[in-house]
PDB file of N, CA and C in Angstrom:
ATOM      1  N   MET A   1     -35.137  61.836 -73.578  1.00  0.00           N
ATOM      2  CA  MET A   1     -33.905  61.303 -74.046  1.00  0.00           C
ATOM      3  C   MET A   1     -34.071  60.293 -75.358  1.00  0.00           C
ATOM      4  N   ASN A   2     -33.055  60.775 -76.236  1.00  0.00           N
ATOM      5  CA  ASN A   2     -33.105  60.495 -77.567  1.00  0.00           C
ATOM      6  C   ASN A   2     -32.884  58.586 -77.681  1.00  0.00           C
ATOM      7  N   LYS A   3     -32.944  58.267 -78.779  1.00  0.00           N
ATOM      8  CA  LYS A   3     -33.171  57.032 -78.914  1.00  0.00           C
ATOM      9  C   LYS A   3     -31.475  56.172 -78.719  1.00  0.00           C
ATOM     10  N   ILE A   4     -30.427  56.883 -79.125  1.00  0.00           N
ATOM     11  CA  ILE A   4     -28.852  56.809 -79.025  1.00  0.00           C
ATOM     12  C   ILE A   4     -28.525  56.907 -77.746  1.00  0.00           C
ATOM     13  N   THR A   5     -29.000  58.163 -77.023  1.00  0.00           N
ATOM     14  CA  THR A   5     -28.659  57.946 -75.535  1.00  0.00           C
ATOM     15  C   THR A   5     -29.513  56.786 -74.527  1.00  0.00           C
ATOM     16  N   ALA A   6     -30.492  56.506 -75.080  1.00  0.00           N
ATOM     17  CA  ALA A   6     -31.051  55.465 -74.458  1.00  0.00           C
ATOM     18  C   ALA A   6     -30.075  54.062 -74.560  1.00  0.00           C
ATOM     19  N   PHE A   7     -30.126  53.819 -75.688  1.00  0.00           N
ATOM     20  CA  PHE A   7     -29.340  52.906 -76.415  1.00  0.00           C
ATOM     21  C   PHE A   7     -27.956  52.714 -75.734  1.00  0.00           C
ATOM     22  N   LEU A   8     -27.140  53.747 -75.476  1.00  0.00           N
ATOM     23  CA  LEU A   8     -25.616  53.629 -74.932  1.00  0.00           C
ATOM     24  C   LEU A   8     -26.017  53.371 -73.510  1.00  0.00           C
ATOM     25  N   VAL A   9     -27.119  53.840 -72.806  1.00  0.00           N
ATOM     26  CA  VAL A   9     -27.029  53.509 -71.315  1.00  0.00           C
ATOM     27  C   VAL A   9     -27.329  52.030 -71.111  1.00  0.00           C
ATOM     28  N   ILE A  10     -28.193  51.506 -72.101  1.00  0.00           N
ATOM     29  CA  ILE A  10     -28.317  50.200 -71.933  1.00  0.00           C
ATOM     30  C   ILE A  10     -26.976  49.462 -71.963  1.00  0.00           C
ATOM     31  N   VAL A  11     -26.514  49.591 -73.179  1.00  0.00           N
ATOM     32  CA  VAL A  11     -24.857  48.900 -73.628  1.00  0.00           C
ATOM     33  C   VAL A  11     -24.291  48.991 -72.365  1.00  0.00           C
ATOM     34  N   ILE A  12     -24.004  50.148 -71.602  1.00  0.00           N
ATOM     35  CA  ILE A  12     -23.222  50.491 -70.768  1.00  0.00           C
ATOM     36  C   ILE A  12     -23.294  49.681 -69.598  1.00  0.00           C
ATOM     37  N   THR A  13     -24.835  49.397 -69.076  1.00  0.00           N
ATOM     38  CA  THR A  13     -25.301  48.781 -67.917  1.00  0.00           C
ATOM     39  C   THR A  13     -25.112  47.340 -68.163  1.00  0.00           C
ATOM     40  N   ALA A  14     -25.306  46.590 -69.354  1.00  0.00           N
ATOM     41  CA  ALA A  14     -25.141  45.557 -69.796  1.00  0.00           C
ATOM     42  C   ALA A  14     -23.543  44.940 -69.701  1.00  0.00           C
ATOM     43  N   LEU A  15     -22.722  45.958 -70.216  1.00  0.00           N
ATOM     44  CA  LEU A  15     -21.205  45.690 -70.192  1.00  0.00           C
ATOM     45  C   LEU A  15     -20.904  45.664 -68.477  1.00  0.00           C
ATOM     46  N   SER A  16     -21.442  46.465 -67.830  1.00  0.00           N
ATOM     47  CA  SER A  16     -20.890  46.565 -66.525  1.00  0.00           C
ATOM     48  C   SER A  16     -21.418  45.243 -65.575  1.00  0.00           C
ATOM     49  N   PHE A  17     -22.441  44.762 -65.769  1.00  0.00           N
ATOM     50  CA  PHE A  17     -22.871  43.348 -65.471  1.00  0.00           C
ATOM     51  C   PHE A  17     -22.032  42.245 -65.652  1.00  0.00           C
ATOM     52  N   SER A  18     -21.531  42.379 -67.015  1.00  0.00           N
ATOM     53  CA  SER A  18     -20.928  41.227 -67.419  1.00  0.00           C
ATOM     54  C   SER A  18     -19.473  41.403 -66.614  1.00  0.00           C
ATOM     55  N   LEU A  19     -18.883  42.533 -66.602  1.00  0.00           N
ATOM     56  CA  LEU A  19     -17.700  42.682 -65.948  1.00  0.00           C
ATOM     57  C   LEU A  19     -17.621  42.283 -64.574  1.00  0.00           C
ATOM     58  N   GLY A  20     -18.679  42.574 -63.688  1.00  0.00           N
ATOM     59  CA  GLY A  20     -18.599  42.339 -62.696  1.00  0.00           C
ATOM     60  C   GLY A  20     -18.890  40.688 -62.628  1.00  0.00           C
ATOM     61  N   ALA A  21     -19.641  40.125 -63.098  1.00  0.00           N
ATOM     62  CA  ALA A  21     -19.907  38.462 -63.322  1.00  0.00           C
ATOM     63  C   ALA A  21     -18.433  37.996 -63.645  1.00  0.00           C
ATOM     64  N   THR A  22     -17.390  38.549 -64.547  1.00  0.00           N
ATOM     65  CA  THR A  22     -16.191  38.211 -64.632  1.00  0.00           C
ATOM     66  C   THR A  22     -15.343  38.052 -63.832  1.00  0.00           C
ATOM     67  N   MET A  23     -15.336  39.213 -63.045  1.00  0.00           N
ATOM     68  CA  MET A  23     -14.459  39.306 -61.947  1.00  0.00           C
ATOM     69  C   MET A  23     -14.776  38.301 -60.920  1.00  0.00           C
ATOM     70  N   GLN A  24     -16.012  38.138 -60.667  1.00  0.00           N
ATOM     71  CA  GLN A  24     -16.429  37.202 -59.510  1.00  0.00           C
ATOM     72  C   GLN A  24     -16.424  35.782 -60.034  1.00  0.00           C
ATOM     73  N   SER A  25     -16.279  35.656 -61.227  1.00  0.00           N
ATOM     74  CA  SER A  25     -16.102  33.873 -61.727  1.00  0.00           C
ATOM     75  C   SER A  25     -14.530  33.586 -61.575  1.00  0.00           C
ATOM     76  N   LYS A  26     -13.725  34.667 -61.708  1.00  0.00           N
ATOM     77  CA  LYS A  26     -12.236  34.614 -61.423  1.00  0.00           C
ATOM     78  C   LYS A  26     -11.999  34.079 -60.308  1.00  0.00           C
ATOM     79  N   ALA A  27     -12.627  34.788 -59.101  1.00  0.00           N
ATOM     80  CA  ALA A  27     -12.383  34.857 -57.676  1.00  0.00           C
ATOM     81  C   ALA A  27     -12.819  33.121 -57.532  1.00  0.00           C
ATOM     82  N   GLN A  28     -13.879  32.672 -58.235  1.00  0.00           N
ATOM     83  CA  GLN A  28     -14.311  31.313 -57.945  1.00  0.00           C
ATOM     84  C   GLN A  28     -13.580  30.328 -58.701  1.00  0.00           C
ATOM     85  N   ASP A  29     -12.681  30.757 -59.887  1.00  0.00           N
ATOM     86  CA  ASP A  29     -11.818  29.931 -60.508  1.00  0.00           C
ATOM     87  C   ASP A  29     -10.643  29.651 -59.527  1.00  0.00           C
ATOM     88  N   LYS A  30     -10.251  30.743 -58.519  1.00  0.00           N
ATOM     89  CA  LYS A  30      -8.895  30.114 -57.993  1.00  0.00           C
ATOM     90  C   LYS A  30      -9.696  29.769 -56.437  1.00  0.00           C
ATOM     91  N   ASN A  31     -10.886  29.333 -56.376  1.00  0.00           N
ATOM     92  CA  ASN A  31     -11.224  28.682 -55.246  1.00  0.00           C
ATOM     93  C   ASN A  31     -11.220  29.498 -53.984  1.00  0.00           C
ATOM     94  N   TYR A  32     -11.444  30.884 -54.126  1.00  0.00           N
ATOM     95  CA  TYR A  32     -11.627  31.878 -52.905  1.00  0.00           C
ATOM     96  C   TYR A  32     -12.992  32.268 -52.471  1.00  0.00           C
ATOM     97  N   SER A  33     -13.933  31.537 -53.249  1.00  0.00           N
ATOM     98  CA  SER A  33     -15.335  32.012 -53.029  1.00  0.00           C
ATOM     99  C   SER A  33     -15.642  31.649 -51.601  1.00  0.00           C
ATOM    100  N   GLY A  34     -15.293  30.606 -50.930  1.00  0.00           N
ATOM    101  CA  GLY A  34     -16.111  30.365 -49.742  1.00  0.00           C
ATOM    102  C   GLY A  34     -14.842  31.055 -48.401  1.00  0.00           C
ATOM    103  N   ILE A  35     -14.030  31.809 -48.687  1.00  0.00           N
ATOM    104  CA  ILE A  35     -13.154  32.773 -47.748  1.00  0.00           C
ATOM    105  C   ILE A  35     -13.750  33.888 -47.287  1.00  0.00           C
ATOM    106  N   VAL A  36     -13.594  33.546 -45.762  1.00  0.00           N
ATOM    107  CA  VAL A  36     -14.278  34.820 -45.136  1.00  0.00           C
ATOM    108  C   VAL A  36     -13.092  35.703 -44.306  1.00  0.00           C
ATOM    109  N   PRO A  37     -12.685  36.801 -44.890  1.00  0.00           N
ATOM    110  CA  PRO A  37     -11.436  37.546 -43.911  1.00  0.00           C
ATOM    111  C   PRO A  37     -12.162  38.121 -42.690  1.00  0.00           C
ATOM    112  N   PHE A  38     -11.195  38.427 -41.771  1.00  0.00           N
ATOM    113  CA  PHE A  38     -11.583  38.974 -40.363  1.00  0.00           C
ATOM    114  C   PHE A  38     -10.277  39.481 -39.931  1.00  0.00           C
ATOM    115  N   VAL A  39     -10.518  40.584 -38.806  1.00  0.00           N
ATOM    116  CA  VAL A  39      -9.322  41.023 -38.256  1.00  0.00           C
ATOM    117  C   VAL A  39      -9.671  40.938 -36.701  1.00  0.00           C
ATOM    118  N   THR A  40      -8.797  40.405 -36.070  1.00  0.00           N
ATOM    119  CA  THR A  40      -8.939  40.503 -34.447  1.00  0.00           C
ATOM    120  C   THR A  40      -8.720  41.647 -34.035  1.00  0.00           C
ATOM    121  N   THR A  41      -8.714  41.709 -32.355  1.00  0.00           N
ATOM    122  CA  THR A  41      -8.463  42.868 -31.888  1.00  0.00           C
ATOM    123  C   THR A  41      -7.108  43.136 -31.671  1.00  0.00           C
ATOM    124  N   ASN A  42      -6.163  42.448 -31.851  1.00  0.00           N
ATOM    125  CA  ASN A  42      -4.681  42.749 -31.746  1.00  0.00           C
ATOM    126  C   ASN A  42      -4.295  42.817 -33.055  1.00  0.00           C
ATOM    127  N   ASP A  43      -4.932  43.205 -34.023  1.00  0.00           N
ATOM    128  CA  ASP A  43      -4.566  43.507 -35.192  1.00  0.00           C
ATOM    129  C   ASP A  43      -4.165  42.472 -36.282  1.00  0.00           C
ATOM    130  N   ARG A  44      -4.493  41.327 -35.977  1.00  0.00           N
ATOM    131  CA  ARG A  44      -4.057  40.011 -36.722  1.00  0.00           C
ATOM    132  C   ARG A  44      -5.161  39.693 -37.825  1.00  0.00           C
ATOM    133  N   VAL A  45      -4.695  39.260 -38.932  1.00  0.00           N
ATOM    134  CA  VAL A  45      -5.432  39.073 -40.309  1.00  0.00           C
ATOM    135  C   VAL A  45      -6.020  37.727 -39.955  1.00  0.00           C
ATOM    136  N   GLY A  46      -7.239  37.126 -40.198  1.00  0.00           N
ATOM    137  CA  GLY A  46      -7.687  35.794 -40.230  1.00  0.00           C
ATOM    138  C   GLY A  46      -8.529  35.552 -41.241  1.00  0.00           C
ATOM    139  N   PHE A  47      -8.374  34.213 -41.682  1.00  0.00           N
ATOM    140  CA  PHE A  47      -9.240  34.107 -42.868  1.00  0.00           C
ATOM    141  C   PHE A  47      -9.882  32.760 -42.560  1.00  0.00           C
ATOM    142  N   LEU A  48     -11.243  32.360 -42.639  1.00  0.00           N
ATOM    143  CA  LEU A  48     -11.879  31.266 -42.464  1.00  0.00           C
ATOM    144  C   LEU A  48     -12.515  30.630 -43.876  1.00  0.00           C
ATOM    145  N   ASP A  49     -11.962  29.526 -43.698  1.00  0.00           N
ATOM    146  CA  ASP A  49     -12.254  28.767 -45.146  1.00  0.00           C
ATOM    147  C   ASP A  49     -13.546  27.878 -44.624  1.00  0.00           C
ATOM    148  N   GLN A  50     -14.697  28.425 -45.447  1.00  0.00           N
ATOM    149  CA  GLN A  50     -16.104  27.562 -45.117  1.00  0.00           C
ATOM    150  C   GLN A  50     -16.342  26.462 -45.598  1.00  0.00           C
ATOM    151  N   SER A  51     -15.559  25.960 -46.762  1.00  0.00           N
ATOM    152  CA  SER A  51     -15.669  24.630 -47.241  1.00  0.00           C
ATOM    153  C   SER A  51     -15.087  23.441 -46.204  1.00  0.00           C
ATOM    154  N   ASN A  52     -13.801  23.738 -45.322  1.00  0.00           N
ATOM    155  CA  ASN A  52     -13.570  22.901 -44.543  1.00  0.00           C
ATOM    156  C   ASN A  52     -13.732  23.007 -42.908  1.00  0.00           C
ATOM    157  N   GLY A  53     -13.774  24.469 -42.546  1.00  0.00           N
ATOM    158  CA  GLY A  53     -13.825  24.951 -41.238  1.00  0.00           C
ATOM    159  C   GLY A  53     -12.652  25.192 -40.610  1.00  0.00           C
ATOM    160  N   ARG A  54     -11.477  25.346 -41.606  1.00  0.00           N
ATOM    161  CA  ARG A  54     -10.184  26.006 -41.103  1.00  0.00           C
ATOM    162  C   ARG A  54     -10.143  27.354 -40.870  1.00  0.00           C
ATOM    163  N   VAL A  55      -9.405  27.733 -39.904  1.00  0.00           N
ATOM    164  CA  VAL A  55      -9.132  29.324 -39.602  1.00  0.00           C
ATOM    165  C   VAL A  55      -7.571  29.421 -39.823  1.00  0.00           C
ATOM    166  N   TYR A  56      -7.367  30.313 -40.506  1.00  0.00           N
ATOM    167  CA  TYR A  56      -5.975  30.826 -40.495  1.00  0.00           C
ATOM    168  C   TYR A  56      -5.515  31.961 -40.048  1.00  0.00           C
ATOM    169  N   ILE A  57      -4.631  32.334 -39.113  1.00  0.00           N
ATOM    170  CA  ILE A  57      -4.170  33.794 -38.621  1.00  0.00           C
ATOM    171  C   ILE A  57      -3.075  34.243 -38.987  1.00  0.00           C
ATOM    172  N   TYR A  58      -2.713  35.443 -39.536  1.00  0.00           N
ATOM    173  CA  TYR A  58      -1.580  36.044 -40.008  1.00  0.00           C
ATOM    174  C   TYR A  58      -1.195  37.021 -39.083  1.00  0.00           C
ATOM    175  N   ASP A  59      -0.189  37.226 -39.150  1.00  0.00           N
ATOM    176  CA  ASP A  59       0.622  38.663 -38.512  1.00  0.00           C
ATOM    177  C   ASP A  59      -0.323  39.645 -38.975  1.00  0.00           C
ATOM    178  N   SER A  60       0.289  40.897 -38.719  1.00  0.00           N
ATOM    179  CA  SER A  60      -0.372  42.316 -38.973  1.00  0.00           C
ATOM    180  C   SER A  60      -0.133  42.641 -40.499  1.00  0.00           C
ATOM    181  N   ASN A  61       1.259  42.026 -40.910  1.00  0.00           N
ATOM    182  CA  ASN A  61       1.686  42.439 -42.198  1.00  0.00           C
ATOM    183  C   ASN A  61       1.261  41.462 -43.348  1.00  0.00           C
ATOM    184  N   ILE A  62       0.609  40.269 -42.829  1.00  0.00           N
ATOM    185  CA  ILE A  62      -0.100  39.116 -43.581  1.00  0.00           C
ATOM    186  C   ILE A  62       1.075  38.672 -44.451  1.00  0.00           C
ATOM    187  N   VAL A  63       2.181  38.270 -43.529  1.00  0.00           N
ATOM    188  CA  VAL A  63       3.408  37.700 -44.005  1.00  0.00           C
ATOM    189  C   VAL A  63       3.385  36.388 -43.374  1.00  0.00           C
ATOM    190  N   ASN A  64       3.450  36.169 -42.221  1.00  0.00           N
ATOM    191  CA  ASN A  64       3.705  34.849 -41.739  1.00  0.00           C
ATOM    192  C   ASN A  64       2.497  34.299 -41.124  1.00  0.00           C
ATOM    193  N   CYS A  65       2.299  33.072 -41.241  1.00  0.00           N
ATOM    194  CA  CYS A  65       0.872  32.469 -40.945  1.00  0.00           C
ATOM    195  C   CYS A  65       1.197  31.990 -39.312  1.00  0.00           C
ATOM    196  N   LEU A  66       0.597  32.666 -38.365  1.00  0.00           N
ATOM    197  CA  LEU A  66       0.779  32.348 -36.830  1.00  0.00           C
ATOM    198  C   LEU A  66       0.001  31.013 -36.365  1.00  0.00           C
ATOM    199  N   PHE A  67      -1.229  30.780 -36.915  1.00  0.00           N
ATOM    200  CA  PHE A  67      -2.152  29.906 -36.340  1.00  0.00           C
ATOM    201  C   PHE A  67      -2.894  29.235 -37.447  1.00  0.00           C
ATOM    202  N   VAL A  68      -3.123  27.795 -37.546  1.00  0.00           N
ATOM    203  CA  VAL A  68      -4.107  27.035 -38.219  1.00  0.00           C
ATOM    204  C   VAL A  68      -4.771  26.506 -37.475  1.00  0.00           C
ATOM    205  N   GLY A  69      -6.016  26.581 -37.416  1.00  0.00           N
ATOM    206  CA  GLY A  69      -6.897  25.764 -36.309  1.00  0.00           C
ATOM    207  C   GLY A  69      -8.122  25.225 -37.399  1.00  0.00           C
ATOM    208  N   GLN A  70      -8.455  24.068 -36.558  1.00  0.00           N
ATOM    209  CA  GLN A  70      -9.831  23.371 -37.130  1.00  0.00           C
ATOM    210  C   GLN A  70     -10.910  23.625 -36.698  1.00  0.00           C
ATOM    211  N   ILE A  71     -12.313  23.798 -36.834  1.00  0.00           N
ATOM    212  CA  ILE A  71     -13.449  24.258 -36.062  1.00  0.00           C
ATOM    213  C   ILE A  71     -14.186  22.595 -36.606  1.00  0.00           C
ATOM    214  N   GLU A  72     -14.608  22.035 -35.368  1.00  0.00           N
ATOM    215  CA  GLU A  72     -15.180  20.891 -35.552  1.00  0.00           C
ATOM    216  C   GLU A  72     -16.920  20.980 -35.555  1.00  0.00           C
ATOM    217  N   SER A  73     -16.953  21.772 -34.408  1.00  0.00           N
ATOM    218  CA  SER A  73     -18.585  22.231 -34.344  1.00  0.00           C
ATOM    219  C   SER A  73     -18.569  23.405 -33.406  1.00  0.00           C
ATOM    220  N   LEU A  74     -19.508  24.618 -33.720  1.00  0.00           N
ATOM    221  CA  LEU A  74     -19.445  25.577 -33.086  1.00  0.00           C
ATOM    222  C   LEU A  74     -19.883  25.368 -31.438  1.00  0.00           C
ATOM    223  N   GLY A  75     -19.364  26.486 -31.021  1.00  0.00           N
ATOM    224  CA  GLY A  75     -19.561  26.161 -29.215  1.00  0.00           C
ATOM    225  C   GLY A  75     -18.053  25.386 -28.712  1.00  0.00           C
ATOM    226  N   LYS A  76     -17.606  24.449 -29.456  1.00  0.00           N
ATOM    227  CA  LYS A  76     -16.397  23.877 -28.839  1.00  0.00           C
ATOM    228  C   LYS A  76     -14.948  24.562 -29.291  1.00  0.00           C
ATOM    229  N   PRO A  77     -14.062  24.286 -28.335  1.00  0.00           N
ATOM    230  CA  PRO A  77     -12.601  24.718 -28.686  1.00  0.00           C
ATOM    231  C   PRO A  77     -12.159  24.744 -30.333  1.00  0.00           C
ATOM    232  N   ILE A  78     -11.653  25.381 -30.952  1.00  0.00           N
ATOM    233  CA  ILE A  78     -10.892  25.205 -32.132  1.00  0.00           C
ATOM    234  C   ILE A  78      -9.609  24.289 -31.900  1.00  0.00           C
ATOM    235  N   ASN A  79      -9.593  23.274 -32.622  1.00  0.00           N
ATOM    236  CA  ASN A  79      -8.405  22.398 -32.670  1.00  0.00           C
ATOM    237  C   ASN A  79      -7.202  22.976 -33.244  1.00  0.00           C
ATOM    238  N   VAL A  80      -5.884  23.083 -32.724  1.00  0.00           N
ATOM    239  CA  VAL A  80      -4.983  23.655 -33.424  1.00  0.00           C
ATOM    240  C   VAL A  80      -4.255  22.675 -34.158  1.00  0.00           C
ATOM    241  N   VAL A  81      -4.288  23.042 -35.466  1.00  0.00           N
ATOM    242  CA  VAL A  81      -3.756  22.365 -36.318  1.00  0.00           C
ATOM    243  C   VAL A  81      -2.064  22.534 -36.553  1.00  0.00           C
ATOM    244  N   SER A  82      -1.544  23.625 -36.516  1.00  0.00           N
ATOM    245  CA  SER A  82      -0.366  24.339 -36.454  1.00  0.00           C
ATOM    246  C   SER A  82      -0.303  25.575 -35.797  1.00  0.00           C
ATOM    247  N   ALA A  83       0.901  25.826 -35.179  1.00  0.00           N
ATOM    248  CA  ALA A  83       1.063  27.330 -34.357  1.00  0.00           C
ATOM    249  C   ALA A  83       2.449  27.567 -34.389  1.00  0.00           C
ATOM    250  N   THR A  84       2.919  28.908 -34.843  1.00  0.00           N
ATOM    251  CA  THR A  84       4.342  29.086 -34.942  1.00  0.00           C
ATOM    252  C   THR A  84       4.962  29.182 -33.275  1.00  0.00           C
ATOM    253  N   ALA A  85       4.339  29.897 -32.531  1.00  0.00           N
ATOM    254  CA  ALA A  85       4.539  30.205 -31.160  1.00  0.00           C
ATOM    255  C   ALA A  85       3.265  30.355 -30.438  1.00  0.00           C
ATOM    256  N   VAL A  86       3.102  30.024 -29.270  1.00  0.00           N
ATOM    257  CA  VAL A  86       1.886  30.393 -28.514  1.00  0.00           C
ATOM    258  C   VAL A  86       1.572  31.736 -28.194  1.00  0.00           C
ATOM    259  N   ASN A  87       2.813  32.188 -27.836  1.00  0.00           N
ATOM    260  CA  ASN A  87       2.969  34.035 -27.581  1.00  0.00           C
ATOM    261  C   ASN A  87       2.849  34.748 -28.499  1.00  0.00           C
ATOM    262  N   THR A  88       3.321  34.355 -29.461  1.00  0.00           N
ATOM    263  CA  THR A  88       3.159  35.545 -30.777  1.00  0.00           C
ATOM    264  C   THR A  88       1.669  35.975 -31.053  1.00  0.00           C
ATOM    265  N   LEU A  89       0.691  34.905 -30.722  1.00  0.00           N
ATOM    266  CA  LEU A  89      -0.826  35.133 -30.974  1.00  0.00           C
ATOM    267  C   LEU A  89      -1.334  36.113 -29.804  1.00  0.00           C
ATOM    268  N   THR A  90      -0.532  36.222 -28.563  1.00  0.00           N
ATOM    269  CA  THR A  90      -1.483  37.094 -27.849  1.00  0.00           C
ATOM    270  C   THR A  90      -0.489  38.272 -27.506  1.00  0.00           C
ATOM    271  N   GLN A  91       0.577  38.654 -28.350  1.00  0.00           N
ATOM    272  CA  GLN A  91       1.037  39.776 -28.241  1.00  0.00           C
ATOM    273  C   GLN A  91       0.351  40.770 -29.354  1.00  0.00           C
TER     274      GLN A  91
END
């Protein structure tokens, strides 16, 4: 490799790392860094907020929030904060 090619490879590598760090910091600026997405067996989409232990479950289109729960401690039932209708969660 000549010097120009090696220099360009180093510059491109450095720019890709800085772009990745910028994208990650934007997510942290919006406070999404502690959110863990998951999908249930009946195609519901859920999010766990690790900062406060809240669980949010949406319909399969991610339009309506069907359930909000609070995890107090592992191994115990999740406390219901709000739910639109109980039977919509089982469908």
